[in-house]
Amino acid sequence: MTSLTSEQLLAAADQAQKHQKITNPGVLTLLSHINRIGATSVGSDEKKSHMLTELKSSIVYYGCPIVFLTLNPGDRHSPLALYYAGEEIDLKTFDPHLWASSKCLEAVLDNPLGMVEYFHTTIKAIIEGPLKHGLFGEMRHHYGTIEYQGRGTPHIHLAVSFICESAH
């Protein structure tokens, strides 16, 4: 790739600002490389664009999702979350009233790997259990994105397709 001058970059920026096609092949190559790098960066516009393309492709292939879910496992009051966070508790006799919400949250946030394991296990159990085996019919496909809330705990947005029996 040849070196780009500031004038070439400014001309391309001007074209983009005017919603015109960028004509400089060197700038197009540079943008392609930036897009490729950005597509691997969580939270980047390029990554979101690639995820949107994946979602659209799954809709074309599997059909429109029937159910949209946001799953947010209750980490503040869950004995499993505390267990994954490394707290010494008896899951069978756990009394949530003996743990203040702030103490639970502190324990969970002090062990981010434990929180990720708890989240992954819980979401996998929900997908592999009630969703895959009949809550809304036989699951055909699911696509989800994980986001983190302000307090640092994850939640997932899912689009789920099910096999629909056609009425005869």
C-alpha atoms as a PDB file:
ATOM      1  CA  MET A   1       0.000   0.000   0.000  1.00  0.00           C
ATOM      2  CA  THR A   2       1.304   3.416  -0.888  1.00  0.00           C
ATOM      3  CA  SER A   3       1.428   6.209   1.649  1.00  0.00           C
ATOM      4  CA  LEU A   4      -1.620   8.395   1.919  1.00  0.00           C
ATOM      5  CA  THR A   5      -1.243  12.131   2.148  1.00  0.00           C
ATOM      6  CA  SER A   6      -3.189  14.341   4.487  1.00  0.00           C
ATOM      7  CA  GLU A   7      -4.838  15.910   1.433  1.00  0.00           C
ATOM      8  CA  GLN A   8      -6.080  12.503   0.261  1.00  0.00           C
ATOM      9  CA  LEU A   9      -7.451  11.700   3.710  1.00  0.00           C
ATOM     10  CA  LEU A  10      -9.153  15.110   3.952  1.00  0.00           C
ATOM     11  CA  ALA A  11     -10.695  14.629   0.488  1.00  0.00           C
ATOM     12  CA  ALA A  12     -12.028  11.211   1.526  1.00  0.00           C
ATOM     13  CA  ALA A  13     -13.380  12.672   4.779  1.00  0.00           C
ATOM     14  CA  ASP A  14     -15.119  15.379   2.770  1.00  0.00           C
ATOM     15  CA  GLN A  15     -16.684  12.737   0.489  1.00  0.00           C
ATOM     16  CA  ALA A  16     -17.867  10.734   3.492  1.00  0.00           C
ATOM     17  CA  GLN A  17     -19.312  13.822   5.169  1.00  0.00           C
ATOM     18  CA  LYS A  18     -21.286  14.568   2.004  1.00  0.00           C
ATOM     19  CA  HIS A  19     -22.455  10.905   1.910  1.00  0.00           C
ATOM     20  CA  GLN A  20     -20.590  10.378  -1.342  1.00  0.00           C
ATOM     21  CA  LYS A  21     -18.699   7.250  -2.306  1.00  0.00           C
ATOM     22  CA  ILE A  22     -15.019   7.399  -1.349  1.00  0.00           C
ATOM     23  CA  THR A  23     -13.060   7.074  -4.575  1.00  0.00           C
ATOM     24  CA  ASN A  24      -9.445   6.806  -3.407  1.00  0.00           C
ATOM     25  CA  PRO A  25      -8.432   3.106  -3.490  1.00  0.00           C
ATOM     26  CA  GLY A  26      -5.748   3.655  -0.832  1.00  0.00           C
ATOM     27  CA  VAL A  27      -8.295   5.131   1.585  1.00  0.00           C
ATOM     28  CA  LEU A  28     -10.710   2.274   0.847  1.00  0.00           C
ATOM     29  CA  THR A  29      -7.966  -0.250   1.628  1.00  0.00           C
ATOM     30  CA  LEU A  30      -7.143   1.564   4.872  1.00  0.00           C
ATOM     31  CA  LEU A  31     -10.827   1.595   5.888  1.00  0.00           C
ATOM     32  CA  SER A  32     -11.095  -2.115   5.102  1.00  0.00           C
ATOM     33  CA  HIS A  33      -8.137  -2.853   7.410  1.00  0.00           C
ATOM     34  CA  ILE A  34      -9.597  -0.684  10.165  1.00  0.00           C
ATOM     35  CA  ASN A  35     -12.947  -2.453   9.806  1.00  0.00           C
ATOM     36  CA  ARG A  36     -11.277  -5.871  10.045  1.00  0.00           C
ATOM     37  CA  ILE A  37      -9.452  -4.877  13.231  1.00  0.00           C
ATOM     38  CA  GLY A  38     -12.523  -3.173  14.713  1.00  0.00           C
ATOM     39  CA  ALA A  39     -14.691  -6.211  14.036  1.00  0.00           C
ATOM     40  CA  THR A  40     -12.758  -8.109  16.696  1.00  0.00           C
ATOM     41  CA  SER A  41     -13.031  -5.359  19.327  1.00  0.00           C
ATOM     42  CA  VAL A  42     -15.954  -5.925  21.691  1.00  0.00           C
ATOM     43  CA  GLY A  43     -18.287  -2.929  21.721  1.00  0.00           C
ATOM     44  CA  SER A  44     -16.871  -1.319  18.581  1.00  0.00           C
ATOM     45  CA  ASP A  45     -19.185  -0.073  15.842  1.00  0.00           C
ATOM     46  CA  GLU A  46     -17.590  -2.570  13.447  1.00  0.00           C
ATOM     47  CA  LYS A  47     -18.242  -5.493  15.833  1.00  0.00           C
ATOM     48  CA  LYS A  48     -21.866  -4.389  16.262  1.00  0.00           C
ATOM     49  CA  SER A  49     -22.212  -4.130  12.487  1.00  0.00           C
ATOM     50  CA  HIS A  50     -20.886  -7.668  12.032  1.00  0.00           C
ATOM     51  CA  MET A  51     -23.214  -8.969  14.763  1.00  0.00           C
ATOM     52  CA  LEU A  52     -26.176  -7.293  13.070  1.00  0.00           C
ATOM     53  CA  THR A  53     -25.193  -9.016   9.820  1.00  0.00           C
ATOM     54  CA  GLU A  54     -25.034 -12.363  11.673  1.00  0.00           C
ATOM     55  CA  LEU A  55     -28.484 -11.767  13.171  1.00  0.00           C
ATOM     56  CA  LYS A  56     -29.966 -10.810   9.790  1.00  0.00           C
ATOM     57  CA  SER A  57     -28.410 -13.900   8.205  1.00  0.00           C
ATOM     58  CA  SER A  58     -29.873 -16.141  10.906  1.00  0.00           C
ATOM     59  CA  ILE A  59     -33.320 -14.616  10.314  1.00  0.00           C
ATOM     60  CA  VAL A  60     -33.025 -15.284   6.567  1.00  0.00           C
ATOM     61  CA  TYR A  61     -31.904 -18.867   7.219  1.00  0.00           C
ATOM     62  CA  TYR A  62     -34.056 -19.839  10.235  1.00  0.00           C
ATOM     63  CA  GLY A  63     -36.998 -17.451   9.919  1.00  0.00           C
ATOM     64  CA  CYS A  64     -38.072 -14.599  12.138  1.00  0.00           C
ATOM     65  CA  PRO A  65     -37.491 -15.052  15.849  1.00  0.00           C
ATOM     66  CA  ILE A  66     -40.656 -15.756  17.754  1.00  0.00           C
ATOM     67  CA  VAL A  67     -39.432 -14.756  21.199  1.00  0.00           C
ATOM     68  CA  PHE A  68     -37.147 -11.947  22.303  1.00  0.00           C
ATOM     69  CA  LEU A  69     -35.786 -12.350  25.832  1.00  0.00           C
ATOM     70  CA  THR A  70     -33.553 -10.449  28.166  1.00  0.00           C
ATOM     71  CA  LEU A  71     -32.124 -12.740  30.825  1.00  0.00           C
ATOM     72  CA  ASN A  72     -30.585 -11.197  33.895  1.00  0.00           C
ATOM     73  CA  PRO A  73     -29.761 -13.890  36.467  1.00  0.00           C
ATOM     74  CA  GLY A  74     -30.525 -12.651  39.986  1.00  0.00           C
ATOM     75  CA  ASP A  75     -26.979 -12.435  41.276  1.00  0.00           C
ATOM     76  CA  ARG A  76     -27.873 -10.248  44.273  1.00  0.00           C
ATOM     77  CA  HIS A  77     -30.024 -12.868  45.973  1.00  0.00           C
ATOM     78  CA  SER A  78     -28.738 -16.128  44.549  1.00  0.00           C
ATOM     79  CA  PRO A  79     -26.946 -18.676  46.696  1.00  0.00           C
ATOM     80  CA  LEU A  80     -25.415 -20.058  43.472  1.00  0.00           C
ATOM     81  CA  ALA A  81     -23.871 -16.664  42.667  1.00  0.00           C
ATOM     82  CA  LEU A  82     -22.328 -16.573  46.141  1.00  0.00           C
ATOM     83  CA  TYR A  83     -21.143 -20.152  45.760  1.00  0.00           C
ATOM     84  CA  TYR A  84     -19.469 -19.347  42.424  1.00  0.00           C
ATOM     85  CA  ALA A  85     -17.947 -16.246  44.045  1.00  0.00           C
ATOM     86  CA  GLY A  86     -16.184 -18.546  46.506  1.00  0.00           C
ATOM     87  CA  GLU A  87     -18.326 -17.895  49.584  1.00  0.00           C
ATOM     88  CA  GLU A  88     -18.534 -20.765  52.067  1.00  0.00           C
ATOM     89  CA  ILE A  89     -22.300 -21.388  52.159  1.00  0.00           C
ATOM     90  CA  ASP A  90     -24.522 -24.433  52.440  1.00  0.00           C
ATOM     91  CA  LEU A  91     -26.757 -24.346  49.365  1.00  0.00           C
ATOM     92  CA  LYS A  92     -29.378 -26.539  51.054  1.00  0.00           C
ATOM     93  CA  THR A  93     -29.854 -24.362  54.135  1.00  0.00           C
ATOM     94  CA  PHE A  94     -29.075 -20.950  52.649  1.00  0.00           C
ATOM     95  CA  ASP A  95     -31.216 -18.129  54.054  1.00  0.00           C
ATOM     96  CA  PRO A  96     -31.045 -15.018  51.841  1.00  0.00           C
ATOM     97  CA  HIS A  97     -32.313 -12.875  54.716  1.00  0.00           C
ATOM     98  CA  LEU A  98     -28.993 -13.418  56.495  1.00  0.00           C
ATOM     99  CA  TRP A  99     -27.150 -11.762  53.602  1.00  0.00           C
ATOM    100  CA  ALA A 100     -27.662  -8.073  52.856  1.00  0.00           C
ATOM    101  CA  SER A 101     -27.962  -7.243  49.146  1.00  0.00           C
ATOM    102  CA  SER A 102     -24.896  -5.026  49.379  1.00  0.00           C
ATOM    103  CA  LYS A 103     -22.873  -7.868  50.936  1.00  0.00           C
ATOM    104  CA  CYS A 104     -23.991 -10.274  48.194  1.00  0.00           C
ATOM    105  CA  LEU A 105     -23.154  -7.781  45.449  1.00  0.00           C
ATOM    106  CA  GLU A 106     -19.764  -7.054  46.997  1.00  0.00           C
ATOM    107  CA  ALA A 107     -18.940 -10.779  47.180  1.00  0.00           C
ATOM    108  CA  VAL A 108     -19.977 -11.317  43.566  1.00  0.00           C
ATOM    109  CA  LEU A 109     -18.102  -8.284  42.214  1.00  0.00           C
ATOM    110  CA  ASP A 110     -14.964  -9.243  44.159  1.00  0.00           C
ATOM    111  CA  ASN A 111     -14.786 -12.408  42.069  1.00  0.00           C
ATOM    112  CA  PRO A 112     -15.468 -11.488  38.410  1.00  0.00           C
ATOM    113  CA  LEU A 113     -14.490 -14.932  37.128  1.00  0.00           C
ATOM    114  CA  GLY A 114     -16.969 -16.519  39.523  1.00  0.00           C
ATOM    115  CA  MET A 115     -19.650 -14.126  38.251  1.00  0.00           C
ATOM    116  CA  VAL A 116     -18.909 -15.074  34.637  1.00  0.00           C
ATOM    117  CA  GLU A 117     -19.064 -18.790  35.514  1.00  0.00           C
ATOM    118  CA  TYR A 118     -22.363 -18.295  37.367  1.00  0.00           C
ATOM    119  CA  PHE A 119     -23.807 -16.290  34.459  1.00  0.00           C
ATOM    120  CA  HIS A 120     -22.633 -18.794  31.828  1.00  0.00           C
ATOM    121  CA  THR A 121     -23.940 -21.794  33.781  1.00  0.00           C
ATOM    122  CA  THR A 122     -27.312 -20.171  34.463  1.00  0.00           C
ATOM    123  CA  ILE A 123     -27.877 -19.001  30.876  1.00  0.00           C
ATOM    124  CA  LYS A 124     -26.756 -22.347  29.473  1.00  0.00           C
ATOM    125  CA  ALA A 125     -29.188 -24.146  31.812  1.00  0.00           C
ATOM    126  CA  ILE A 126     -32.060 -21.908  30.665  1.00  0.00           C
ATOM    127  CA  ILE A 127     -31.252 -22.387  26.978  1.00  0.00           C
ATOM    128  CA  GLU A 128     -30.565 -26.127  27.233  1.00  0.00           C
ATOM    129  CA  GLY A 129     -33.526 -26.728  29.547  1.00  0.00           C
ATOM    130  CA  PRO A 130     -36.844 -24.913  29.125  1.00  0.00           C
ATOM    131  CA  LEU A 131     -36.064 -23.152  25.831  1.00  0.00           C
ATOM    132  CA  LYS A 132     -34.590 -26.124  23.987  1.00  0.00           C
ATOM    133  CA  HIS A 133     -37.020 -28.654  25.376  1.00  0.00           C
ATOM    134  CA  GLY A 134     -40.467 -27.294  24.978  1.00  0.00           C
ATOM    135  CA  LEU A 135     -41.298 -24.057  26.776  1.00  0.00           C
ATOM    136  CA  PHE A 136     -42.496 -22.556  23.474  1.00  0.00           C
ATOM    137  CA  GLY A 137     -42.107 -25.612  21.259  1.00  0.00           C
ATOM    138  CA  GLU A 138     -38.953 -27.136  19.827  1.00  0.00           C
ATOM    139  CA  MET A 139     -36.173 -24.536  19.637  1.00  0.00           C
ATOM    140  CA  ARG A 140     -34.749 -24.114  16.175  1.00  0.00           C
ATOM    141  CA  HIS A 141     -32.125 -21.400  16.712  1.00  0.00           C
ATOM    142  CA  HIS A 142     -31.055 -18.692  19.127  1.00  0.00           C
ATOM    143  CA  TYR A 143     -28.825 -15.659  18.829  1.00  0.00           C
ATOM    144  CA  GLY A 144     -27.774 -13.552  21.778  1.00  0.00           C
ATOM    145  CA  THR A 145     -25.588 -10.659  22.789  1.00  0.00           C
ATOM    146  CA  ILE A 146     -24.168 -10.115  26.248  1.00  0.00           C
ATOM    147  CA  GLU A 147     -24.020  -6.665  27.789  1.00  0.00           C
ATOM    148  CA  TYR A 148     -22.812  -5.441  31.153  1.00  0.00           C
ATOM    149  CA  GLN A 149     -24.876  -3.270  33.452  1.00  0.00           C
ATOM    150  CA  GLY A 150     -23.540  -0.253  35.312  1.00  0.00           C
ATOM    151  CA  ARG A 151     -22.750  -2.349  38.378  1.00  0.00           C
ATOM    152  CA  GLY A 152     -20.612  -4.720  36.313  1.00  0.00           C
ATOM    153  CA  THR A 153     -22.884  -7.750  36.084  1.00  0.00           C
ATOM    154  CA  PRO A 154     -23.877  -9.288  32.725  1.00  0.00           C
ATOM    155  CA  HIS A 155     -27.221  -9.843  31.070  1.00  0.00           C
ATOM    156  CA  ILE A 156     -28.090 -11.316  27.670  1.00  0.00           C
ATOM    157  CA  HIS A 157     -30.533 -10.335  24.926  1.00  0.00           C
ATOM    158  CA  LEU A 158     -31.759 -13.369  22.974  1.00  0.00           C
ATOM    159  CA  ALA A 159     -33.713 -13.790  19.767  1.00  0.00           C
ATOM    160  CA  VAL A 160     -35.128 -17.331  19.706  1.00  0.00           C
ATOM    161  CA  SER A 161     -36.789 -19.189  16.831  1.00  0.00           C
ATOM    162  CA  PHE A 162     -38.932 -22.261  17.317  1.00  0.00           C
ATOM    163  CA  ILE A 163     -40.170 -24.879  14.900  1.00  0.00           C
ATOM    164  CA  CYS A 164     -43.764 -24.042  14.143  1.00  0.00           C
ATOM    165  CA  GLU A 165     -46.135 -26.824  13.314  1.00  0.00           C
ATOM    166  CA  SER A 166     -48.142 -25.815  10.279  1.00  0.00           C
ATOM    167  CA  ALA A 167     -51.898 -26.129  10.641  1.00  0.00           C
ATOM    168  CA  HIS A 168     -53.383 -28.615   8.198  1.00  0.00           C
END
